Every structure is written in C-alpha cells, then in structure tokens.
Amino acid sequence: MRRFSNRHAIALSPREAIVAAAARAYAAPAGSMMDAANEFQRLCALDHDDDTLFLPTWSVEDWQALFGRCATVQVVSGSMVIQRGDNERALYFVDSGALVAREPLGVLYHERPGSVFGEVALFDGRPRSVSVYAVKHSRLLRLEMSGLMAFGRQRPDLANELLLALGRVLAFRLRRAERRIDPEARNGVRAAH
C-alpha cells in the first residue's frame, strides 16, 4: 500500500497499513498548550522502561514555560514529519497521535504521547538520520534550537534537567539499536559505554 503526503510517497508495511487505516478513523483533539502541559506533566512523572522523557519534578507551569517556546504542528496520518537527510535543528514533543521512525532497513521505533524525536540533529547539527511519519493524526510541539537556548537563559535549572532527560532518551535508543544488530547485546551481554 502507498500513502501520499504533501511531501513524499511512502511505502507502508502491511502491519503499518492496518494501523494507519484504523487510526484514520480518529482525529486528535486540537487541545491547548495548557492541555499539553498537563499531559506531559502526568506522562513524564512516571519512570518508564522506554524512551519516554522522565522529568518527575516538573510542574504544569514548568512544562508551560517550555511549551511557550514551541510551535504547534498538526500532522495528518500518512504525512512525513521529517525526512532523512534534511537539515533542521528542532526537537519534537508528541502531544497526541502516533508516529513511526524509519530508516532504509525498516522501522526503528514508534512515537506516542509523551515521547520526543529529533534529539540527534538538535545536538549534533547534522542532517536527520531517520524519517518520521505520522500513522495517526498527531499534534506535535516543535522546539527550535533558538527556543531551547532562550529557555536555557530563562530557566537554566529546567534546561539542564531537560538535557539530562534527552541524554537518557539517546542512551536508551542507542542500547536498543545495539540489541538489534549485536547478538551478544540481545542476550544481555553489554559492552561498556
């Protein structure tokens, strides 16, 4: 099955096509920055064993201070959000919906509310390493590097906590990628990092 976005045609696997077809029946609510702040405060206060941000001490007001620096992006199912190779230094927070990160070899990971993507290019300033597609109508909050820097000047304590939480996300994703390609890592034997 092929889905067409406003930028590119993408090929979906049979499983992704089923998920996308089911998801098209639902639309993400428009919501507000206050709704997003409440939801992130709830989701990120829990210690997940995955790549969800973990910021248990952040209040709704802390999230509002960060999201005040973000632009809201509405994405329809099947659309490409970022393309591998693009030059963009922005971080995306998933407020609602579902997305999938793909590379030429297949699906890397799935994004859901409370997660982030775009952290690699944000940190290293190099072209995007994966493409990200919406498999469900999604609402994202986009934080440009300039917004992150301004947030750091306004609230250095929170900016430091955010950067450490993003480091945790990167470490989790690195270990997951390592398990995919290294049989020893898959069996619980890990290299020292």
Foldseek 3Di string as FASTA:
>chain_A
DWDDAPPGIDDDDPVLVVLLVVQLVDADDPDDLLLLLVQLQVVQLDDDPALFFHDNVDDSVNSSLLLVQWDKDKAAAFYWPFAFFDQFQKKKAWSAAKKFWADPVGTLDIDGHRHMDRVVCNVPRGGHHTIMGTSHTTMMIIHGNVSLVVSCVVPVVVSVSRVVRNVVSVVRSVLSVCLVPPVCSVVVDDDDD
